[in-house]
């Protein structure tokens, strides 16, 4: 494990071959792993993990003596590429209940606002909230710290709701907090500057959840607009980045840095959409508190969904019609008939599950007698490398920022903070970039 400040300059170059070696873990969507023979091809690896080990396995700092050699090597590499980020201590920030807001949202708003304030202080007093939603964080930054905030949101109904909330609960903020409907793109620089026309004070961009391409857009606008001095962003939903190919396994902004692009030239394309989905998957914090029954139910549901996908033909699809299930039982064909309506893909018309489907189910059940357990083991291994996957995405973006900063002769300070409770808020890494000006 490395401290963020001490990451080896060859981190990406070393991490890529490790991920390539275990690409079967994210080869396909978790609904398709039976169709892709993921379990059969890696059965020995998956069967090496016993259920008593499940909860602690993703966070093991060292392997156990009874583990086979290949499992010990896996754990060693996982730990080698873990990164320790500065944890934002939050004990002194107690959550004040806010009506109609989840505890998760309250936790994020109160603690991310603390980071924004610590970065901006009184040097930058005008903020731009990318993807402001209904304005919770934007209003909080004014109410708590007296900042002026421009909230940008693409969805018109959210903008209207933000304005309604402002009118009802925060009427005194109208001169300082403004909400505008705008689809933020790489070409939004002039729009942003025009919003502050006649005012040359420095700006900061922040975002509570930079879904898909939004974090990249924020990075590029931060680098392009001279007066934007600070960037504070929580990236998420990496799998929603815009694809540049029809198979959706290559993306416009991933890889982003010249460094990672150069490393990946030596490999066939394997950092696909399921990889990006895994990078944004739940962290081990929530996983380690699951009970034996929780693991069984999760593994059973995962296996059942994959079985359904393996049963249907290309011109067929299914629709979930109920959640009836006997938790302790293994998946049966009767479970599938009761829970899934078979449909023609083109017309949407209902179909009956046929004898052919039932025979295929019988064969698959014989092929995967312990499919429920192996499915949960697969998810456990995915949870184990989740941190490595997200690190690659994040460090790629940081390397890009460094590359552009060097080309433009910008003095940049880059840091990452981690929210303390990653069980409550799995997307917990806060990217902070500051322009430093020397007089």
Protein backbone atom coordinates (compact mmCIF):
# COMPACT_ATOMS: atom_id res chain seq x y z
CA UNK A 1 0.00 0.00 0.00
CA UNK A 2 1.24 3.48 -0.89
CA UNK A 3 0.42 6.89 0.49
CA UNK A 4 -1.13 9.08 -2.21
CA UNK A 5 1.76 11.54 -1.90
CA UNK A 6 4.29 8.76 -2.45
CA UNK A 7 2.81 6.93 -5.44
CA UNK A 8 5.48 5.37 -7.61
CA UNK A 9 5.89 7.21 -10.91
CA UNK A 10 5.42 3.84 -12.65
CA UNK A 11 2.18 3.09 -10.79
CA UNK A 12 0.01 2.86 -13.92
CA UNK A 13 2.65 0.93 -15.85
CA UNK A 14 2.82 -1.64 -13.02
CA UNK A 15 -0.92 -1.80 -12.29
CA UNK A 16 -2.09 -2.48 -15.86
CA UNK A 17 -0.44 -5.93 -16.21
CA UNK A 18 -1.92 -6.98 -12.87
CA UNK A 19 -5.44 -5.99 -13.95
CA UNK A 20 -4.90 -7.64 -17.33
CA UNK A 21 -4.02 -10.91 -15.56
CA UNK A 22 -7.35 -10.87 -13.74
CA UNK A 23 -9.51 -9.33 -16.43
CA UNK A 24 -11.83 -12.33 -16.27
CA UNK A 25 -13.27 -10.76 -13.10
CA UNK A 26 -14.69 -7.91 -15.17
CA UNK A 27 -14.79 -9.57 -18.58
CA UNK A 28 -18.53 -9.07 -18.87
CA UNK A 29 -21.60 -7.86 -16.99
CA UNK A 30 -22.51 -9.92 -13.94
CA UNK A 31 -25.70 -10.96 -15.72
CA UNK A 32 -23.66 -12.50 -18.55
CA UNK A 33 -20.91 -14.47 -16.79
CA UNK A 34 -22.57 -17.84 -17.49
CA UNK A 35 -22.85 -17.03 -21.20
CA UNK A 36 -19.16 -16.09 -21.18
CA UNK A 37 -18.09 -19.21 -19.21
CA UNK A 38 -16.37 -17.04 -16.58
CA UNK A 39 -17.02 -19.51 -13.75
CA UNK A 40 -16.06 -22.65 -15.67
CA UNK A 41 -12.81 -21.15 -16.97
CA UNK A 42 -11.81 -19.92 -13.49
CA UNK A 43 -13.46 -22.54 -11.31
CA UNK A 44 -10.26 -23.50 -9.50
CA UNK A 45 -9.65 -19.89 -8.51
CA UNK A 46 -13.25 -19.33 -7.41
CA UNK A 47 -13.43 -22.55 -5.39
CA UNK A 48 -10.29 -21.58 -3.45
CA UNK A 49 -12.31 -19.17 -1.33
CA UNK A 50 -14.35 -20.55 1.57
CA UNK A 51 -17.42 -18.73 2.82
CA UNK A 52 -15.97 -18.09 6.32
CA UNK A 53 -13.32 -15.99 4.55
CA UNK A 54 -15.77 -13.87 2.54
CA UNK A 55 -16.25 -10.88 4.83
CA UNK A 56 -12.60 -10.23 5.58
CA UNK A 57 -11.03 -11.32 2.31
CA UNK A 58 -11.26 -7.98 0.42
CA UNK A 59 -9.30 -6.20 3.17
CA UNK A 60 -6.74 -8.86 4.09
CA UNK A 61 -3.34 -7.23 4.57
CA UNK A 62 -1.60 -10.58 4.12
CA UNK A 63 -2.56 -14.05 2.96
CA UNK A 64 -3.23 -17.01 5.21
CA UNK A 65 -1.04 -20.08 5.38
CA UNK A 66 -3.77 -22.39 4.08
CA UNK A 67 -4.28 -20.34 0.91
CA UNK A 68 -2.96 -21.83 -2.35
CA UNK A 69 0.00 -20.09 -3.97
CA UNK A 70 -2.03 -18.36 -6.69
CA UNK A 71 -4.37 -16.87 -4.06
CA UNK A 72 -1.44 -15.62 -1.99
CA UNK A 73 0.03 -13.94 -5.08
CA UNK A 74 -3.31 -12.32 -5.84
CA UNK A 75 -3.59 -10.81 -2.35
CA UNK A 76 0.01 -9.63 -2.47
CA UNK A 77 -0.61 -7.74 -5.72
CA UNK A 78 -3.94 -6.31 -4.56
CA UNK A 79 -2.26 -4.83 -1.50
CA UNK A 80 0.69 -3.59 -3.49
CA UNK A 81 -1.57 -1.36 -5.57
CA UNK A 82 -3.80 -0.07 -2.80
CA UNK A 83 -3.46 3.64 -2.09
CA UNK A 84 -3.89 5.30 1.28
CA UNK A 85 -5.75 8.59 0.88
CA UNK A 86 -5.97 11.26 3.58
CA UNK A 87 -9.14 10.55 5.52
CA UNK A 88 -11.38 13.48 6.29
CA UNK A 89 -12.05 13.29 10.02
CA UNK A 90 -15.74 13.93 10.57
CA UNK A 91 -16.43 13.14 14.22
CA UNK A 92 -16.83 16.80 15.12
CA UNK A 93 -19.35 17.35 12.31
CA UNK A 94 -22.63 15.97 13.56
CA UNK A 95 -25.37 15.53 11.00
CA UNK A 96 -28.29 17.87 11.53
CA UNK A 97 -31.50 16.21 10.26
CA UNK A 98 -32.86 17.95 7.19
CA UNK A 99 -36.43 17.29 6.09
CA UNK A 100 -36.82 15.08 3.01
CA UNK A 101 -33.07 14.42 2.75
CA UNK A 102 -31.44 11.03 3.27
CA UNK A 103 -28.76 10.55 5.93
CA UNK A 104 -26.31 9.71 3.12
CA UNK A 105 -26.99 13.01 1.33
CA UNK A 106 -26.76 14.97 4.59
CA UNK A 107 -23.47 13.30 5.46
CA UNK A 108 -22.00 14.11 2.05
CA UNK A 109 -23.21 17.71 2.02
CA UNK A 110 -21.99 18.57 5.51
CA UNK A 111 -18.58 16.98 4.99
CA UNK A 112 -17.91 17.96 1.38
CA UNK A 113 -18.84 21.53 2.29
CA UNK A 114 -16.14 21.37 4.95
CA UNK A 115 -13.59 20.41 2.29
CA UNK A 116 -14.75 23.18 -0.05
CA UNK A 117 -14.40 25.73 2.74
CA UNK A 118 -10.96 24.45 3.75
CA UNK A 119 -9.78 24.78 0.12
CA UNK A 120 -11.41 28.11 -0.75
CA UNK A 121 -11.45 29.93 2.58
CA UNK A 122 -12.00 33.64 2.00
CA UNK A 123 -9.70 33.78 -1.04
CA UNK A 124 -12.32 32.40 -3.44
CA UNK A 125 -15.86 33.44 -2.55
CA UNK A 126 -17.67 32.68 -5.83
CA UNK A 127 -18.46 29.03 -6.51
CA UNK A 128 -19.96 27.08 -9.41
CA UNK A 129 -21.85 23.89 -8.56
CA UNK A 130 -21.74 21.42 -11.48
CA UNK A 131 -24.82 19.18 -11.52
CA UNK A 132 -26.44 20.99 -8.60
CA UNK A 133 -29.65 18.94 -8.61
CA UNK A 134 -32.25 20.67 -6.45
CA UNK A 135 -29.63 22.88 -4.84
CA UNK A 136 -28.95 21.30 -1.45
CA UNK A 137 -25.18 21.84 -1.44
CA UNK A 138 -25.33 25.21 -3.21
CA UNK A 139 -27.73 26.57 -0.58
CA UNK A 140 -25.67 25.05 2.22
CA UNK A 141 -22.50 26.78 1.02
CA UNK A 142 -24.26 30.14 1.25
CA UNK A 143 -26.13 29.43 4.47
CA UNK A 144 -23.10 28.03 6.31
CA UNK A 145 -20.20 29.98 4.79
CA UNK A 146 -21.77 32.96 3.00
CA UNK A 147 -20.42 32.06 -0.46
CA UNK A 148 -22.01 33.22 -3.69
CA UNK A 149 -22.98 30.15 -5.72
CA UNK A 150 -24.07 29.52 -9.31
CA UNK A 151 -25.84 26.16 -9.52
CA UNK A 152 -25.91 24.52 -12.96
CA UNK A 153 -28.25 21.66 -13.78
CA UNK A 154 -29.36 20.12 -17.09
CA UNK A 155 -32.72 18.77 -15.89
CA UNK A 156 -35.30 21.57 -16.05
CA UNK A 157 -37.54 20.09 -13.36
CA UNK A 158 -34.65 20.03 -10.90
CA UNK A 159 -33.82 23.67 -11.62
CA UNK A 160 -37.46 24.62 -11.03
CA UNK A 161 -37.50 22.66 -7.78
CA UNK A 162 -34.25 24.31 -6.65
CA UNK A 163 -35.81 27.72 -7.24
CA UNK A 164 -39.00 26.67 -5.42
CA UNK A 165 -36.96 25.51 -2.42
CA UNK A 166 -35.05 28.77 -2.47
CA UNK A 167 -38.27 30.80 -2.57
CA UNK A 168 -39.81 28.79 0.27
CA UNK A 169 -36.89 28.15 2.61
CA UNK A 170 -34.03 30.48 1.64
CA UNK A 171 -35.51 33.75 0.27
CA UNK A 172 -32.61 35.75 1.71
CA UNK A 173 -30.20 33.88 -0.59
CA UNK A 174 -31.68 35.15 -3.87
CA UNK A 175 -28.98 37.74 -4.47
CA UNK A 176 -26.20 35.24 -3.79
CA UNK A 177 -27.41 31.83 -5.00
CA UNK A 178 -28.62 31.44 -8.59
CA UNK A 179 -29.80 28.33 -10.42
CA UNK A 180 -29.54 28.01 -14.20
CA UNK A 181 -30.46 25.24 -16.63
CA UNK A 182 -27.38 24.43 -18.69
CA UNK A 183 -25.87 21.30 -20.22
CA UNK A 184 -22.22 21.57 -19.24
CA UNK A 185 -19.79 20.70 -22.06
CA UNK A 186 -16.16 21.34 -22.95
CA UNK A 187 -17.46 24.47 -24.74
CA UNK A 188 -19.12 25.98 -21.67
CA UNK A 189 -16.22 28.31 -20.80
CA UNK A 190 -17.81 31.42 -22.35
CA UNK A 191 -21.15 30.67 -20.73
CA UNK A 192 -19.51 30.43 -17.31
CA UNK A 193 -17.49 33.61 -17.75
CA UNK A 194 -20.58 35.52 -18.93
CA UNK A 195 -22.42 34.57 -15.75
CA UNK A 196 -19.88 36.65 -13.84
CA UNK A 197 -19.57 39.50 -16.35
CA UNK A 198 -18.19 42.67 -14.79
CA UNK A 199 -16.75 40.68 -11.92
CA UNK A 200 -13.12 39.56 -12.13
CA UNK A 201 -12.95 37.78 -8.77
CA UNK A 202 -11.54 34.21 -8.79
CA UNK A 203 -13.88 31.22 -9.09
CA UNK A 204 -14.03 27.65 -7.84
CA UNK A 205 -15.83 24.68 -9.42
CA UNK A 206 -17.24 21.92 -7.23
CA UNK A 207 -19.46 18.88 -7.72
CA UNK A 208 -20.92 16.43 -5.23
CA UNK A 209 -21.18 13.60 -7.77
CA UNK A 210 -19.38 13.96 -11.10
CA UNK A 211 -21.33 11.33 -13.00
CA UNK A 212 -19.95 9.95 -16.28
CA UNK A 213 -18.07 12.59 -18.30
CA UNK A 214 -18.88 15.45 -15.91
CA UNK A 215 -15.68 15.14 -13.88
CA UNK A 216 -13.58 15.25 -17.08
CA UNK A 217 -15.54 18.28 -18.28
CA UNK A 218 -14.94 20.00 -14.95
CA UNK A 219 -11.21 19.23 -15.14
CA UNK A 220 -10.89 20.62 -18.66
CA UNK A 221 -12.85 23.80 -17.86
CA UNK A 222 -10.79 24.30 -14.71
CA UNK A 223 -7.61 24.08 -16.78
CA UNK A 224 -9.00 26.28 -19.59
CA UNK A 225 -10.48 29.15 -17.57
CA UNK A 226 -7.72 31.21 -16.00
CA UNK A 227 -9.79 32.69 -13.19
CA UNK A 228 -11.05 29.30 -11.98
CA UNK A 229 -8.51 28.65 -9.24
CA UNK A 230 -9.99 25.67 -7.39
CA UNK A 231 -11.60 22.36 -8.34
CA UNK A 232 -13.27 20.13 -5.73
CA UNK A 233 -15.05 17.11 -7.24
CA UNK A 234 -16.31 13.66 -6.28
CA UNK A 235 -16.23 11.43 -9.38
CA UNK A 236 -18.75 8.60 -9.74
CA UNK A 237 -20.61 6.39 -12.25
CA UNK A 238 -17.52 5.81 -14.38
CA UNK A 239 -19.43 3.34 -16.57
CA UNK A 240 -21.67 6.17 -17.79
CA UNK A 241 -18.81 7.83 -19.68
CA UNK A 242 -19.58 8.40 -23.36
CA UNK A 243 -18.47 5.48 -25.57
CA UNK A 244 -16.74 6.15 -28.86
CA UNK A 245 -17.39 2.72 -30.38
CA UNK A 246 -20.60 0.77 -30.99
CA UNK A 247 -19.57 -2.05 -28.65
CA UNK A 248 -19.29 0.58 -25.87
CA UNK A 249 -15.92 -0.74 -24.73
CA UNK A 250 -13.88 2.28 -25.81
CA UNK A 251 -14.51 5.75 -24.46
CA UNK A 252 -13.93 9.37 -25.41
CA UNK A 253 -12.24 10.26 -22.13
CA UNK A 254 -10.81 6.99 -20.86
CA UNK A 255 -7.94 6.49 -20.91
CA UNK A 256 -7.33 10.22 -20.56
CA UNK A 257 -3.63 10.68 -19.89
CA UNK A 258 -0.88 10.21 -22.44
CA UNK A 259 0.84 7.97 -19.91
CA UNK A 260 -1.97 5.43 -19.62
CA UNK A 261 -2.66 5.52 -23.35
CA UNK A 262 0.99 4.63 -23.97
CA UNK A 263 0.90 1.74 -21.49
CA UNK A 264 -2.31 0.31 -22.97
CA UNK A 265 -0.88 0.24 -26.50
CA UNK A 266 0.81 -3.00 -25.49
CA UNK A 267 -2.48 -4.71 -24.59
CA UNK A 268 -5.69 -5.66 -26.37
CA UNK A 269 -8.68 -3.64 -25.19
CA UNK A 270 -9.72 -5.01 -21.80
CA UNK A 271 -10.61 -1.96 -19.71
CA UNK A 272 -14.25 -2.12 -20.78
CA UNK A 273 -17.56 -0.86 -19.42
CA UNK A 274 -17.84 -3.68 -16.83
CA UNK A 275 -14.38 -2.61 -15.60
CA UNK A 276 -15.62 0.96 -15.15
CA UNK A 277 -18.75 -0.33 -13.43
CA UNK A 278 -16.55 -2.31 -11.05
CA UNK A 279 -14.44 0.80 -10.36
CA UNK A 280 -17.62 2.45 -9.08
CA UNK A 281 -18.96 -0.61 -7.23
CA UNK A 282 -19.47 -0.81 -3.46
CA UNK A 283 -16.35 -0.71 -1.32
CA UNK A 284 -15.37 -3.50 1.13
CA UNK A 285 -16.68 -1.39 4.04
CA UNK A 286 -20.29 -2.46 3.47
CA UNK A 287 -19.37 -5.96 2.28
CA UNK A 288 -17.57 -6.95 5.48
CA UNK A 289 -20.74 -6.47 7.57
CA UNK A 290 -22.84 -8.92 5.56
CA UNK A 291 -24.11 -12.01 7.37
CA UNK A 292 -23.86 -15.58 6.09
CA UNK A 293 -27.52 -15.32 5.07
CA UNK A 294 -26.86 -12.02 3.27
CA UNK A 295 -24.09 -13.63 1.23
CA UNK A 296 -26.26 -16.60 0.32
CA UNK A 297 -29.15 -14.40 -0.79
CA UNK A 298 -26.87 -12.09 -2.78
CA UNK A 299 -25.08 -15.00 -4.48
CA UNK A 300 -28.38 -16.71 -5.24
CA UNK A 301 -29.88 -13.57 -6.80
CA UNK A 302 -26.75 -12.99 -8.87
CA UNK A 303 -26.71 -16.61 -10.08
CA UNK A 304 -30.44 -16.58 -10.82
CA UNK A 305 -30.18 -13.46 -13.00
CA UNK A 306 -27.23 -14.95 -14.91
CA UNK A 307 -29.17 -18.19 -15.41
CA UNK A 308 -32.12 -16.28 -16.89
CA UNK A 309 -29.81 -14.57 -19.37
CA UNK A 310 -28.27 -17.93 -20.28
CA UNK A 311 -31.68 -19.53 -20.85
CA UNK A 312 -33.17 -17.05 -23.28
CA UNK A 313 -32.50 -16.83 -27.02
CA UNK A 314 -31.28 -13.76 -28.90
CA UNK A 315 -34.83 -12.81 -29.94
CA UNK A 316 -36.14 -13.13 -26.37
CA UNK A 317 -36.05 -10.99 -23.26
CA UNK A 318 -37.63 -11.11 -19.81
CA UNK A 319 -39.51 -8.89 -17.40
CA UNK A 320 -39.41 -9.29 -13.62
CA UNK A 321 -42.98 -9.83 -12.39
CA UNK A 322 -42.52 -10.54 -8.67
CA UNK A 323 -39.94 -11.12 -5.94
CA UNK A 324 -41.31 -14.36 -4.50
CA UNK A 325 -38.44 -16.53 -3.32
CA UNK A 326 -37.51 -19.09 -0.68
CA UNK A 327 -34.17 -17.66 0.51
CA UNK A 328 -32.54 -20.88 1.73
CA UNK A 329 -33.36 -22.92 -1.40
CA UNK A 330 -31.21 -23.17 -4.50
CA UNK A 331 -32.47 -21.64 -7.74
CA UNK A 332 -35.07 -23.79 -9.50
CA UNK A 333 -36.78 -23.51 -12.87
CA UNK A 334 -40.01 -22.93 -10.99
CA UNK A 335 -38.44 -19.85 -9.34
CA UNK A 336 -37.68 -18.43 -12.77
CA UNK A 337 -41.15 -19.18 -14.17
CA UNK A 338 -42.78 -17.50 -11.16
CA UNK A 339 -40.51 -14.44 -11.16
CA UNK A 340 -39.79 -13.72 -14.85
CA UNK A 341 -42.18 -13.22 -17.76
CA UNK A 342 -40.66 -14.37 -21.05
CA UNK A 343 -41.17 -11.89 -23.91
CA UNK A 344 -40.49 -11.58 -27.63
CA UNK A 345 -37.78 -8.93 -27.90
CA UNK A 346 -39.16 -7.11 -30.95
CA UNK A 347 -42.91 -7.16 -30.24
CA UNK A 348 -42.86 -7.37 -26.45
CA UNK A 349 -45.51 -10.11 -26.58
CA UNK A 350 -45.60 -12.66 -23.76
CA UNK A 351 -44.31 -16.20 -24.34
CA UNK A 352 -44.40 -19.39 -22.33
CA UNK A 353 -41.26 -20.97 -20.96
CA UNK A 354 -40.81 -24.04 -23.18
CA UNK A 355 -39.54 -27.56 -22.62
CA UNK A 356 -36.39 -26.45 -24.42
CA UNK A 357 -35.83 -23.75 -21.79
CA UNK A 358 -36.44 -26.27 -19.03
CA UNK A 359 -34.00 -28.76 -20.51
CA UNK A 360 -31.36 -26.08 -20.83
CA UNK A 361 -31.93 -25.10 -17.22
CA UNK A 362 -31.45 -28.73 -16.17
CA UNK A 363 -28.13 -28.89 -18.03
CA UNK A 364 -26.94 -25.59 -16.57
CA UNK A 365 -27.90 -26.67 -13.06
CA UNK A 366 -25.81 -29.84 -13.54
CA UNK A 367 -22.94 -27.76 -14.87
CA UNK A 368 -23.13 -25.33 -11.92
CA UNK A 369 -24.29 -27.38 -8.89
CA UNK A 370 -22.78 -24.81 -6.52
CA UNK A 371 -23.42 -21.78 -8.71
CA UNK A 372 -24.85 -19.71 -5.85
CA UNK A 373 -21.63 -19.99 -3.83
CA UNK A 374 -19.33 -19.46 -6.81
CA UNK A 375 -21.32 -16.40 -7.85
CA UNK A 376 -20.82 -14.83 -4.44
CA UNK A 377 -17.13 -15.74 -4.56
CA UNK A 378 -16.84 -13.99 -7.93
CA UNK A 379 -18.43 -10.88 -6.43
CA UNK A 380 -16.04 -11.13 -3.47
CA UNK A 381 -13.02 -11.11 -5.80
CA UNK A 382 -14.52 -8.16 -7.66
CA UNK A 383 -14.94 -6.31 -4.36
CA UNK A 384 -11.32 -7.10 -3.55
CA UNK A 385 -9.94 -5.41 -6.68
CA UNK A 386 -12.50 -2.58 -6.72
CA UNK A 387 -10.02 -0.25 -5.04
CA UNK A 388 -7.34 -1.09 -7.63
CA UNK A 389 -9.77 -0.42 -10.48
CA UNK A 390 -10.89 2.94 -9.11
CA UNK A 391 -7.28 3.91 -8.43
CA UNK A 392 -6.42 3.37 -12.08
CA UNK A 393 -9.27 5.64 -13.23
CA UNK A 394 -8.42 8.34 -10.69
CA UNK A 395 -4.65 8.29 -11.21
CA UNK A 396 -5.20 8.41 -14.99
CA UNK A 397 -7.10 11.68 -14.49
CA UNK A 398 -4.46 13.05 -12.15
CA UNK A 399 -1.68 12.22 -14.62
CA UNK A 400 -3.66 14.06 -17.32
CA UNK A 401 -3.95 17.14 -15.10
CA UNK A 402 -0.20 17.00 -14.46
CA UNK A 403 0.55 16.63 -18.18
CA UNK A 404 -1.61 19.61 -19.19
CA UNK A 405 -0.28 21.65 -16.28
CA UNK A 406 3.26 21.05 -17.45
CA UNK A 407 2.43 21.95 -21.07
CA UNK A 408 0.77 25.22 -19.99
CA UNK A 409 3.31 26.05 -17.30
CA UNK A 410 0.68 25.94 -14.56
CA UNK A 411 1.66 25.47 -10.93
CA UNK A 412 -0.86 22.94 -9.65
CA UNK A 413 -1.39 21.37 -6.26
CA UNK A 414 -3.29 18.07 -6.50
CA UNK A 415 -4.63 16.15 -3.53
CA UNK A 416 -7.29 13.57 -2.71
CA UNK A 417 -9.38 13.41 0.45
CA UNK A 418 -11.46 10.43 1.49
CA UNK A 419 -14.74 10.67 3.37
CA UNK A 420 -14.44 8.67 6.57
CA UNK A 421 -17.64 6.65 6.23
CA UNK A 422 -17.30 4.83 2.92
CA UNK A 423 -19.96 2.38 4.04
CA UNK A 424 -22.56 5.17 4.02
CA UNK A 425 -21.04 6.95 1.02
CA UNK A 426 -19.21 4.44 -1.25
CA UNK A 427 -18.14 7.16 -3.71
CA UNK A 428 -15.97 8.83 -1.14
CA UNK A 429 -12.87 10.16 -2.95
CA UNK A 430 -12.69 13.93 -3.34
CA UNK A 431 -10.35 15.21 -6.06
CA UNK A 432 -8.90 18.64 -5.21
CA UNK A 433 -6.85 20.70 -7.68
CA UNK A 434 -5.58 24.21 -6.98
CA UNK A 435 -3.74 26.70 -9.16
CA UNK A 436 -0.88 28.33 -7.33
CA UNK A 437 0.15 31.84 -8.34
CA UNK A 438 3.53 33.29 -7.44
CA UNK A 439 3.94 37.03 -7.16
